[in-house]
Amino acid sequence: MEIIQIVGLGLITTFLALVVKEQKPIFAFMLTVFVGVIIFIFLIDQIYMIVTMLQKIAINANINMVYVQTILKIIGIAYIAEFGAQIAKDAGQGAVASKIELAGKVFILVMAIPIITAIIETVIGLLPY
């Protein structure tokens, strides 16, 4: 029931931030960022379990680990970019949030190029001449 703890912490933080925001908006923002980081740290064990399980599945399926590692990096980039964009949005910086999201998408595309290339080469190899 860890999700209940996380949701509880999030709701308590939300209420505290709303109360503190009236007097000290910067403290409210810092509180939300701090709790966001705490929640992320709380999830590290779960993320590690997922990565380990995916690596075992890839080994059993005889999949090249380079592809699995690339996909995991892409997922990591997506989560980190989303986290940063949400913090920027919380601070009222929608334009910065949009740029963070754009940078995340560009990095994901760059990371995906080897996988896209392998897929295209495989498809071309299957086509009759």
N, C-alpha and C. Protein backbone atom coordinates (compact mmCIF):
# COMPACT_ATOMS: atom_id res chain seq x y z
N MET A 1 0.81 -1.20 0.00
CA MET A 1 0.00 0.00 0.00
C MET A 1 0.85 1.26 0.00
N GLU A 2 1.97 1.19 -0.66
CA GLU A 2 2.86 2.34 -0.74
C GLU A 2 2.21 3.50 -1.47
N ILE A 3 1.30 3.19 -2.41
CA ILE A 3 0.65 4.26 -3.15
C ILE A 3 -0.19 5.13 -2.23
N ILE A 4 -0.76 4.54 -1.20
CA ILE A 4 -1.54 5.32 -0.24
C ILE A 4 -0.64 6.31 0.49
N GLN A 5 0.57 5.87 0.83
CA GLN A 5 1.52 6.77 1.49
C GLN A 5 1.92 7.91 0.56
N ILE A 6 2.16 7.58 -0.70
CA ILE A 6 2.58 8.61 -1.66
C ILE A 6 1.45 9.61 -1.90
N VAL A 7 0.24 9.10 -2.10
CA VAL A 7 -0.90 9.99 -2.31
C VAL A 7 -1.15 10.84 -1.07
N GLY A 8 -1.04 10.22 0.12
CA GLY A 8 -1.21 10.97 1.36
C GLY A 8 -0.20 12.09 1.49
N LEU A 9 1.06 11.77 1.21
CA LEU A 9 2.11 12.78 1.25
C LEU A 9 1.83 13.90 0.24
N GLY A 10 1.38 13.52 -0.95
CA GLY A 10 1.06 14.51 -1.97
C GLY A 10 -0.09 15.42 -1.56
N LEU A 11 -1.12 14.83 -0.98
CA LEU A 11 -2.26 15.64 -0.56
C LEU A 11 -1.91 16.57 0.60
N ILE A 12 -1.15 16.06 1.56
CA ILE A 12 -0.72 16.90 2.68
C ILE A 12 0.13 18.06 2.17
N THR A 13 1.03 17.75 1.25
CA THR A 13 1.88 18.80 0.67
C THR A 13 1.03 19.83 -0.07
N THR A 14 0.04 19.35 -0.80
CA THR A 14 -0.84 20.27 -1.53
C THR A 14 -1.54 21.23 -0.58
N PHE A 15 -2.10 20.69 0.49
CA PHE A 15 -2.80 21.55 1.45
C PHE A 15 -1.84 22.52 2.13
N LEU A 16 -0.66 22.03 2.52
CA LEU A 16 0.33 22.92 3.14
C LEU A 16 0.78 24.01 2.17
N ALA A 17 1.00 23.62 0.92
CA ALA A 17 1.45 24.60 -0.07
C ALA A 17 0.39 25.67 -0.29
N LEU A 18 -0.86 25.27 -0.30
CA LEU A 18 -1.94 26.26 -0.47
C LEU A 18 -1.99 27.24 0.69
N VAL A 19 -1.76 26.74 1.91
CA VAL A 19 -1.78 27.61 3.08
C VAL A 19 -0.56 28.53 3.09
N VAL A 20 0.62 27.96 2.82
CA VAL A 20 1.86 28.73 2.87
C VAL A 20 1.95 29.72 1.71
N LYS A 21 1.33 29.38 0.58
CA LYS A 21 1.42 30.22 -0.61
C LYS A 21 0.87 31.63 -0.38
N GLU A 22 -0.06 31.75 0.53
CA GLU A 22 -0.63 33.07 0.84
C GLU A 22 0.42 34.01 1.41
N GLN A 23 1.28 33.49 2.28
CA GLN A 23 2.28 34.32 2.95
C GLN A 23 3.64 34.31 2.25
N LYS A 24 4.10 33.13 1.89
CA LYS A 24 5.45 32.97 1.32
C LYS A 24 5.37 32.04 0.09
N PRO A 25 5.10 32.58 -1.08
CA PRO A 25 4.96 31.73 -2.27
C PRO A 25 6.22 30.93 -2.60
N ILE A 26 7.39 31.49 -2.33
CA ILE A 26 8.63 30.76 -2.64
C ILE A 26 8.78 29.53 -1.77
N PHE A 27 8.34 29.61 -0.51
CA PHE A 27 8.40 28.44 0.37
C PHE A 27 7.43 27.36 -0.09
N ALA A 28 6.28 27.77 -0.58
CA ALA A 28 5.31 26.81 -1.09
C ALA A 28 5.89 26.07 -2.30
N PHE A 29 6.54 26.81 -3.18
CA PHE A 29 7.16 26.19 -4.35
C PHE A 29 8.28 25.24 -3.94
N MET A 30 9.12 25.69 -3.02
CA MET A 30 10.23 24.84 -2.55
C MET A 30 9.69 23.58 -1.89
N LEU A 31 8.60 23.70 -1.15
CA LEU A 31 7.98 22.54 -0.51
C LEU A 31 7.52 21.53 -1.54
N THR A 32 6.87 22.01 -2.60
CA THR A 32 6.39 21.08 -3.62
C THR A 32 7.54 20.41 -4.37
N VAL A 33 8.60 21.15 -4.65
CA VAL A 33 9.76 20.55 -5.32
C VAL A 33 10.41 19.52 -4.41
N PHE A 34 10.58 19.85 -3.15
CA PHE A 34 11.20 18.94 -2.20
C PHE A 34 10.41 17.65 -2.08
N VAL A 35 9.10 17.76 -1.95
CA VAL A 35 8.28 16.55 -1.82
C VAL A 35 8.28 15.76 -3.13
N GLY A 36 8.33 16.44 -4.26
CA GLY A 36 8.45 15.74 -5.54
C GLY A 36 9.71 14.90 -5.61
N VAL A 37 10.81 15.45 -5.14
CA VAL A 37 12.07 14.71 -5.11
C VAL A 37 11.98 13.54 -4.13
N ILE A 38 11.37 13.76 -2.99
CA ILE A 38 11.21 12.70 -1.99
C ILE A 38 10.38 11.55 -2.59
N ILE A 39 9.31 11.87 -3.28
CA ILE A 39 8.49 10.83 -3.90
C ILE A 39 9.31 10.08 -4.95
N PHE A 40 10.10 10.80 -5.73
CA PHE A 40 10.95 10.15 -6.73
C PHE A 40 11.95 9.20 -6.06
N ILE A 41 12.57 9.65 -4.99
CA ILE A 41 13.52 8.80 -4.26
C ILE A 41 12.81 7.57 -3.70
N PHE A 42 11.57 7.77 -3.24
CA PHE A 42 10.78 6.67 -2.71
C PHE A 42 10.53 5.60 -3.78
N LEU A 43 10.50 6.00 -5.03
CA LEU A 43 10.20 5.08 -6.14
C LEU A 43 11.42 4.40 -6.72
N ILE A 44 12.61 4.76 -6.29
CA ILE A 44 13.84 4.22 -6.89
C ILE A 44 13.89 2.70 -6.79
N ASP A 45 13.48 2.12 -5.65
CA ASP A 45 13.49 0.66 -5.52
C ASP A 45 12.55 0.01 -6.53
N GLN A 46 11.39 0.60 -6.74
CA GLN A 46 10.44 0.06 -7.71
C GLN A 46 11.02 0.14 -9.12
N ILE A 47 11.64 1.25 -9.44
CA ILE A 47 12.24 1.43 -10.76
C ILE A 47 13.36 0.40 -10.97
N TYR A 48 14.16 0.17 -9.94
CA TYR A 48 15.24 -0.81 -10.04
C TYR A 48 14.68 -2.20 -10.30
N MET A 49 13.58 -2.55 -9.63
CA MET A 49 12.96 -3.86 -9.85
C MET A 49 12.48 -4.00 -11.29
N ILE A 50 11.89 -2.96 -11.83
CA ILE A 50 11.40 -3.00 -13.20
C ILE A 50 12.55 -3.18 -14.19
N VAL A 51 13.62 -2.42 -14.00
CA VAL A 51 14.77 -2.51 -14.89
C VAL A 51 15.39 -3.91 -14.82
N THR A 52 15.53 -4.45 -13.63
CA THR A 52 16.09 -5.78 -13.47
C THR A 52 15.22 -6.83 -14.15
N MET A 53 13.91 -6.72 -13.99
CA MET A 53 13.00 -7.68 -14.60
C MET A 53 13.06 -7.59 -16.12
N LEU A 54 13.11 -6.38 -16.67
CA LEU A 54 13.19 -6.23 -18.11
C LEU A 54 14.50 -6.78 -18.67
N GLN A 55 15.58 -6.61 -17.93
CA GLN A 55 16.87 -7.16 -18.37
C GLN A 55 16.83 -8.68 -18.39
N LYS A 56 16.21 -9.29 -17.37
CA LYS A 56 16.09 -10.75 -17.33
C LYS A 56 15.25 -11.26 -18.49
N ILE A 57 14.15 -10.57 -18.77
CA ILE A 57 13.29 -10.97 -19.89
C ILE A 57 14.06 -10.86 -21.20
N ALA A 58 14.82 -9.80 -21.37
CA ALA A 58 15.60 -9.60 -22.59
C ALA A 58 16.65 -10.69 -22.76
N ILE A 59 17.29 -11.07 -21.67
CA ILE A 59 18.30 -12.13 -21.74
C ILE A 59 17.64 -13.46 -22.12
N ASN A 60 16.51 -13.76 -21.49
CA ASN A 60 15.81 -15.01 -21.80
C ASN A 60 15.28 -15.03 -23.23
N ALA A 61 14.91 -13.88 -23.77
CA ALA A 61 14.39 -13.80 -25.13
C ALA A 61 15.51 -13.63 -26.15
N ASN A 62 16.74 -13.59 -25.68
CA ASN A 62 17.91 -13.44 -26.54
C ASN A 62 17.84 -12.15 -27.36
N ILE A 63 17.45 -11.08 -26.68
CA ILE A 63 17.39 -9.75 -27.32
C ILE A 63 18.70 -9.02 -27.02
N ASN A 64 19.20 -8.32 -28.00
CA ASN A 64 20.43 -7.55 -27.84
C ASN A 64 20.24 -6.53 -26.71
N MET A 65 21.11 -6.56 -25.73
CA MET A 65 20.97 -5.69 -24.56
C MET A 65 21.14 -4.21 -24.91
N VAL A 66 21.78 -3.92 -26.02
CA VAL A 66 21.93 -2.53 -26.43
C VAL A 66 20.56 -1.91 -26.67
N TYR A 67 19.66 -2.67 -27.28
CA TYR A 67 18.32 -2.17 -27.54
C TYR A 67 17.53 -1.97 -26.25
N VAL A 68 17.67 -2.91 -25.34
CA VAL A 68 16.96 -2.80 -24.06
C VAL A 68 17.48 -1.59 -23.27
N GLN A 69 18.79 -1.42 -23.23
CA GLN A 69 19.36 -0.28 -22.52
C GLN A 69 18.93 1.04 -23.17
N THR A 70 18.86 1.07 -24.48
CA THR A 70 18.42 2.28 -25.17
C THR A 70 16.97 2.60 -24.84
N ILE A 71 16.12 1.60 -24.83
CA ILE A 71 14.72 1.82 -24.49
C ILE A 71 14.58 2.31 -23.06
N LEU A 72 15.35 1.73 -22.15
CA LEU A 72 15.30 2.18 -20.76
C LEU A 72 15.78 3.62 -20.62
N LYS A 73 16.80 3.99 -21.38
CA LYS A 73 17.28 5.38 -21.37
C LYS A 73 16.20 6.32 -21.91
N ILE A 74 15.51 5.89 -22.95
CA ILE A 74 14.44 6.71 -23.52
C ILE A 74 13.33 6.91 -22.49
N ILE A 75 12.96 5.86 -21.79
CA ILE A 75 11.93 5.98 -20.76
C ILE A 75 12.40 6.92 -19.65
N GLY A 76 13.67 6.80 -19.27
CA GLY A 76 14.23 7.69 -18.25
C GLY A 76 14.20 9.14 -18.69
N ILE A 77 14.56 9.40 -19.94
CA ILE A 77 14.52 10.77 -20.46
C ILE A 77 13.10 11.31 -20.40
N ALA A 78 12.14 10.48 -20.77
CA ALA A 78 10.74 10.93 -20.77
C ALA A 78 10.29 11.31 -19.37
N TYR A 79 10.61 10.47 -18.39
CA TYR A 79 10.20 10.75 -17.00
C TYR A 79 10.89 11.99 -16.45
N ILE A 80 12.18 12.11 -16.71
CA ILE A 80 12.92 13.26 -16.19
C ILE A 80 12.42 14.56 -16.84
N ALA A 81 12.19 14.52 -18.15
CA ALA A 81 11.69 15.72 -18.83
C ALA A 81 10.30 16.09 -18.30
N GLU A 82 9.46 15.11 -18.08
CA GLU A 82 8.12 15.38 -17.54
C GLU A 82 8.21 15.97 -16.14
N PHE A 83 9.08 15.43 -15.32
CA PHE A 83 9.27 15.92 -13.95
C PHE A 83 9.73 17.37 -13.98
N GLY A 84 10.71 17.67 -14.81
CA GLY A 84 11.21 19.04 -14.91
C GLY A 84 10.16 19.99 -15.45
N ALA A 85 9.41 19.54 -16.44
CA ALA A 85 8.37 20.39 -17.02
C ALA A 85 7.27 20.68 -16.00
N GLN A 86 6.91 19.68 -15.20
CA GLN A 86 5.88 19.90 -14.19
C GLN A 86 6.34 20.89 -13.12
N ILE A 87 7.62 20.82 -12.76
CA ILE A 87 8.15 21.78 -11.79
C ILE A 87 8.10 23.19 -12.37
N ALA A 88 8.48 23.32 -13.64
CA ALA A 88 8.44 24.63 -14.28
C ALA A 88 7.00 25.15 -14.36
N LYS A 89 6.05 24.27 -14.65
CA LYS A 89 4.65 24.68 -14.70
C LYS A 89 4.16 25.10 -13.32
N ASP A 90 4.58 24.37 -12.28
CA ASP A 90 4.19 24.73 -10.91
C ASP A 90 4.71 26.12 -10.55
N ALA A 91 5.86 26.49 -11.11
CA ALA A 91 6.44 27.80 -10.84
C ALA A 91 5.83 28.88 -11.74
N GLY A 92 4.88 28.48 -12.58
CA GLY A 92 4.25 29.46 -13.45
C GLY A 92 5.04 29.75 -14.71
N GLN A 93 5.97 28.90 -15.04
CA GLN A 93 6.83 29.10 -16.21
C GLN A 93 6.46 28.12 -17.32
N GLY A 94 5.29 28.33 -17.91
CA GLY A 94 4.81 27.45 -18.96
C GLY A 94 5.71 27.41 -20.17
N ALA A 95 6.31 28.54 -20.53
CA ALA A 95 7.20 28.58 -21.69
C ALA A 95 8.44 27.73 -21.46
N VAL A 96 8.99 27.82 -20.27
CA VAL A 96 10.17 26.99 -19.95
C VAL A 96 9.78 25.51 -19.95
N ALA A 97 8.60 25.22 -19.41
CA ALA A 97 8.12 23.84 -19.38
C ALA A 97 8.01 23.28 -20.80
N SER A 98 7.51 24.08 -21.71
CA SER A 98 7.39 23.65 -23.11
C SER A 98 8.75 23.37 -23.71
N LYS A 99 9.73 24.18 -23.38
CA LYS A 99 11.09 23.97 -23.91
C LYS A 99 11.72 22.70 -23.33
N ILE A 100 11.45 22.44 -22.06
CA ILE A 100 11.95 21.19 -21.45
C ILE A 100 11.33 19.99 -22.14
N GLU A 101 10.04 20.05 -22.40
CA GLU A 101 9.37 18.95 -23.09
C GLU A 101 9.93 18.77 -24.50
N LEU A 102 10.18 19.87 -25.21
CA LEU A 102 10.76 19.80 -26.55
C LEU A 102 12.15 19.15 -26.50
N ALA A 103 12.96 19.57 -25.53
CA ALA A 103 14.31 18.99 -25.41
C ALA A 103 14.22 17.50 -25.12
N GLY A 104 13.29 17.09 -24.27
CA GLY A 104 13.10 15.67 -23.99
C GLY A 104 12.75 14.89 -25.25
N LYS A 105 11.86 15.45 -26.06
CA LYS A 105 11.46 14.78 -27.30
C LYS A 105 12.63 14.66 -28.28
N VAL A 106 13.43 15.71 -28.37
CA VAL A 106 14.59 15.66 -29.27
C VAL A 106 15.59 14.61 -28.80
N PHE A 107 15.86 14.58 -27.49
CA PHE A 107 16.79 13.57 -26.97
C PHE A 107 16.25 12.16 -27.18
N ILE A 108 14.95 11.98 -27.03
CA ILE A 108 14.35 10.67 -27.26
C ILE A 108 14.53 10.26 -28.72
N LEU A 109 14.30 11.18 -29.63
CA LEU A 109 14.49 10.88 -31.05
C LEU A 109 15.93 10.51 -31.36
N VAL A 110 16.87 11.25 -30.79
CA VAL A 110 18.29 10.95 -31.01
C VAL A 110 18.63 9.55 -30.48
N MET A 111 18.10 9.22 -29.30
CA MET A 111 18.38 7.91 -28.71
C MET A 111 17.72 6.79 -29.53
N ALA A 112 16.60 7.08 -30.18
CA ALA A 112 15.85 6.06 -30.92
C ALA A 112 16.40 5.78 -32.31
N ILE A 113 17.29 6.62 -32.81
CA ILE A 113 17.79 6.47 -34.18
C ILE A 113 18.39 5.08 -34.43
N PRO A 114 19.23 4.53 -33.54
CA PRO A 114 19.77 3.19 -33.82
C PRO A 114 18.67 2.11 -33.90
N ILE A 115 17.65 2.23 -33.08
CA ILE A 115 16.57 1.25 -33.11
C ILE A 115 15.76 1.40 -34.39
N ILE A 116 15.46 2.64 -34.76
CA ILE A 116 14.72 2.89 -36.00
C ILE A 116 15.51 2.38 -37.20
N THR A 117 16.81 2.60 -37.19
CA THR A 117 17.67 2.13 -38.28
C THR A 117 17.64 0.61 -38.37
N ALA A 118 17.72 -0.07 -37.24
CA ALA A 118 17.68 -1.54 -37.24
C ALA A 118 16.35 -2.06 -37.76
N ILE A 119 15.26 -1.40 -37.38
CA ILE A 119 13.93 -1.83 -37.86
C ILE A 119 13.83 -1.64 -39.37
N ILE A 120 14.28 -0.49 -39.86
CA ILE A 120 14.21 -0.22 -41.30
C ILE A 120 15.07 -1.23 -42.07
N GLU A 121 16.28 -1.51 -41.57
CA GLU A 121 17.14 -2.49 -42.24
C GLU A 121 16.51 -3.87 -42.25
N THR A 122 15.83 -4.25 -41.17
CA THR A 122 15.17 -5.55 -41.11
C THR A 122 14.03 -5.62 -42.11
N VAL A 123 13.22 -4.56 -42.18
CA VAL A 123 12.10 -4.53 -43.12
C VAL A 123 12.61 -4.57 -44.56
N ILE A 124 13.66 -3.82 -44.86
CA ILE A 124 14.22 -3.83 -46.21
C ILE A 124 14.75 -5.22 -46.55
N GLY A 125 15.36 -5.87 -45.56
CA GLY A 125 15.87 -7.22 -45.79
C GLY A 125 14.77 -8.25 -46.06
N LEU A 126 13.56 -7.99 -45.57
CA LEU A 126 12.45 -8.92 -45.77
C LEU A 126 11.74 -8.71 -47.10
N LEU A 127 11.91 -7.52 -47.69
CA LEU A 127 11.25 -7.22 -48.95
C LEU A 127 11.92 -7.95 -50.11
N PRO A 128 11.11 -8.50 -51.02
CA PRO A 128 11.72 -9.14 -52.21
C PRO A 128 12.19 -8.07 -53.19
N TYR A 129 13.22 -8.43 -53.94
CA TYR A 129 13.78 -7.48 -54.91
C TYR A 129 13.08 -7.58 -56.22
